[in-house]
Amino acid sequence: MQVGSLIIFIFFPFILKMDPSLYLVYYLGFMVVAIISVYYLLAFSKFYKAVDAFDLASKDQLLKIYFELQLNMERYRSWAFLLTPFLMCTIGLFAYSRLKATDVFQSLNGMMILLIFILCFSSLVFMIVATDWWLKYYYGKYVDELKVVLDSLKEDN
């Protein structure tokens, strides 16, 4: 899904009909996001390959999987939060492009600035909520199951 999103982001300036003078700024930011994303995606890939190799016969291995899963959930969260400034810049470039195209800068009032701020703030809140939901939906049940198994093993000792 993330790779698909990155591919869609390549075409955002055209989809959003941004001013061509902003393409360089957008693609410089996109390049940074792509490099960061490659790092995180390689780390996730390494984790998934390591999980396949784990032997689930011992408590130590279960503990290792549990902590690796927790670590990768936090890694995913930090990656999403690193992408948030790019989202904010994209919103800013889109707003600037629209305002420039309609010559609204001369009549830019406090209400317009407030609307832009609200849009950026709501996008930030959306990223935080969506990331937490995504992690709970896809990984939460596995973390909870591992925790139950580890707690039951702890009681047996």
Protein backbone atom coordinates (compact mmCIF):
# COMPACT_ATOMS: atom_id res chain seq x y z
CA MET A 1 0.00 0.00 0.00
CA GLN A 2 2.81 2.42 0.89
CA VAL A 3 4.64 1.79 -2.36
CA GLY A 4 1.40 2.39 -4.23
CA SER A 5 0.93 5.66 -2.37
CA LEU A 6 4.44 6.76 -3.29
CA ILE A 7 3.74 6.02 -6.94
CA ILE A 8 0.55 8.10 -6.78
CA PHE A 9 2.53 10.95 -5.18
CA ILE A 10 4.71 11.07 -8.30
CA PHE A 11 1.69 12.31 -10.24
CA PHE A 12 0.25 14.66 -7.59
CA PRO A 13 1.41 17.90 -9.24
CA PHE A 14 -0.49 16.90 -12.38
CA ILE A 15 -3.52 15.53 -10.54
CA LEU A 16 -3.78 18.68 -8.39
CA LYS A 17 -2.92 20.90 -11.37
CA MET A 18 -0.12 22.67 -9.51
CA ASP A 19 1.65 25.61 -11.02
CA PRO A 20 4.61 24.27 -13.07
CA SER A 21 6.96 26.64 -11.26
CA LEU A 22 6.38 24.55 -8.10
CA TYR A 23 7.36 21.21 -9.63
CA LEU A 24 11.02 21.53 -8.61
CA VAL A 25 10.13 22.23 -4.98
CA TYR A 26 7.64 19.38 -4.92
CA TYR A 27 9.96 16.82 -6.48
CA LEU A 28 12.88 17.79 -4.24
CA GLY A 29 10.64 17.08 -1.25
CA PHE A 30 9.40 13.90 -2.89
CA MET A 31 12.99 12.75 -3.43
CA VAL A 32 13.71 13.12 0.30
CA VAL A 33 10.50 11.23 1.14
CA ALA A 34 11.39 8.47 -1.32
CA ILE A 35 14.87 8.03 0.20
CA ILE A 36 13.45 7.90 3.73
CA SER A 37 10.77 5.46 2.57
CA VAL A 38 13.30 3.11 1.00
CA TYR A 39 15.16 2.97 4.33
CA TYR A 40 12.00 2.14 6.27
CA LEU A 41 10.66 -0.32 3.69
CA LEU A 42 13.98 -2.20 3.71
CA ALA A 43 13.85 -2.35 7.52
CA PHE A 44 10.29 -3.74 7.38
CA SER A 45 11.31 -6.27 4.76
CA LYS A 46 14.22 -7.40 6.93
CA PHE A 47 11.84 -7.81 9.90
CA TYR A 48 9.33 -9.90 7.91
CA LYS A 49 12.09 -12.16 6.61
CA ALA A 50 13.43 -12.58 10.15
CA VAL A 51 9.96 -13.50 11.47
CA ASP A 52 9.76 -16.32 8.95
CA ALA A 53 13.03 -17.73 10.33
CA PHE A 54 12.03 -17.64 14.01
CA ASP A 55 11.62 -20.91 15.86
CA LEU A 56 8.51 -20.57 18.02
CA ALA A 57 9.47 -23.44 20.32
CA SER A 58 10.94 -21.37 23.14
CA LYS A 59 9.80 -18.56 25.37
CA ASP A 60 12.92 -16.56 24.45
CA GLN A 61 11.99 -16.69 20.77
CA LEU A 62 8.44 -15.57 21.55
CA LEU A 63 9.81 -12.68 23.60
CA LYS A 64 12.13 -11.73 20.77
CA ILE A 65 9.26 -11.75 18.25
CA TYR A 66 7.09 -9.73 20.64
CA PHE A 67 9.71 -7.03 21.10
CA GLU A 68 10.64 -6.99 17.40
CA LEU A 69 6.97 -6.56 16.54
CA GLN A 70 6.66 -3.71 19.05
CA LEU A 71 9.81 -2.11 17.62
CA ASN A 72 8.51 -2.34 14.06
CA MET A 73 5.15 -0.88 15.06
CA GLU A 74 7.00 2.12 16.50
CA ARG A 75 9.19 2.25 13.40
CA TYR A 76 6.06 2.36 11.25
CA ARG A 77 4.61 5.11 13.45
CA SER A 78 7.79 7.19 13.18
CA TRP A 79 7.84 6.71 9.41
CA ALA A 80 4.27 7.96 9.14
CA PHE A 81 5.14 10.97 11.28
CA LEU A 82 8.16 11.67 9.10
CA LEU A 83 5.87 11.72 6.08
CA THR A 84 3.57 14.24 7.72
CA PRO A 85 5.73 17.31 6.92
CA PHE A 86 5.70 16.25 3.26
CA LEU A 87 1.92 16.12 3.42
CA MET A 88 1.88 19.60 4.96
CA CYS A 89 4.21 20.92 2.24
CA THR A 90 2.05 19.33 -0.46
CA ILE A 91 -1.03 21.00 0.99
CA GLY A 92 0.87 24.28 1.18
CA LEU A 93 2.09 24.02 -2.42
CA PHE A 94 -1.41 23.15 -3.60
CA ALA A 95 -2.93 26.09 -1.69
CA TYR A 96 -0.22 28.44 -2.97
CA SER A 97 -0.76 27.23 -6.53
CA ARG A 98 -4.51 27.79 -6.29
CA LEU A 99 -4.14 31.18 -4.67
CA LYS A 100 -1.55 32.24 -7.25
CA ALA A 101 -3.77 31.12 -10.13
CA THR A 102 -6.75 33.13 -8.87
CA ASP A 103 -4.80 36.24 -7.79
CA VAL A 104 -6.26 35.93 -4.29
CA PHE A 105 -3.01 37.06 -2.65
CA GLN A 106 -4.08 40.69 -2.93
CA SER A 107 -7.31 39.97 -1.06
CA LEU A 108 -5.97 37.31 1.32
CA ASN A 109 -7.73 37.88 4.60
CA GLY A 110 -7.63 36.35 8.04
CA MET A 111 -10.43 33.90 7.24
CA MET A 112 -8.50 32.40 4.31
CA ILE A 113 -5.37 32.02 6.45
CA LEU A 114 -7.46 30.41 9.19
CA LEU A 115 -8.95 27.94 6.67
CA ILE A 116 -5.48 26.96 5.45
CA PHE A 117 -4.33 26.49 9.05
CA ILE A 118 -7.41 24.36 9.83
CA LEU A 119 -6.77 22.23 6.74
CA CYS A 120 -3.15 21.62 7.76
CA PHE A 121 -4.06 20.93 11.39
CA SER A 122 -6.86 18.52 10.44
CA SER A 123 -4.48 16.73 8.06
CA LEU A 124 -2.00 16.34 10.90
CA VAL A 125 -4.68 14.94 13.21
CA PHE A 126 -5.84 12.62 10.42
CA MET A 127 -2.31 11.26 9.94
CA ILE A 128 -1.95 10.54 13.66
CA VAL A 129 -5.37 8.88 13.99
CA ALA A 130 -5.01 6.91 10.74
CA THR A 131 -1.58 5.63 11.71
CA ASP A 132 -2.75 4.47 15.13
CA TRP A 133 -5.83 2.84 13.62
CA TRP A 134 -3.74 1.10 10.93
CA LEU A 135 -1.33 -0.30 13.50
CA LYS A 136 -4.10 -1.54 15.80
CA TYR A 137 -6.08 -3.02 12.93
CA TYR A 138 -3.22 -4.90 11.28
CA TYR A 139 -0.87 -5.69 14.16
CA GLY A 140 -2.81 -5.17 17.38
CA LYS A 141 -4.42 -8.61 17.53
CA TYR A 142 -1.07 -10.34 17.00
CA VAL A 143 0.61 -8.28 19.70
CA ASP A 144 -2.28 -9.02 22.07
CA GLU A 145 -2.13 -12.76 21.32
CA LEU A 146 1.63 -12.85 21.88
CA LYS A 147 1.20 -10.94 25.13
CA VAL A 148 -1.41 -13.45 26.36
CA VAL A 149 0.85 -16.39 25.50
CA LEU A 150 3.85 -14.76 27.18
CA ASP A 151 1.81 -13.94 30.28
CA SER A 152 0.56 -17.53 30.48
CA LEU A 153 4.14 -18.78 30.20
CA LYS A 154 5.16 -16.39 32.95
CA GLU A 155 2.42 -17.80 35.22
CA ASP A 156 3.60 -21.36 34.58
CA ASN A 157 7.05 -20.56 36.00
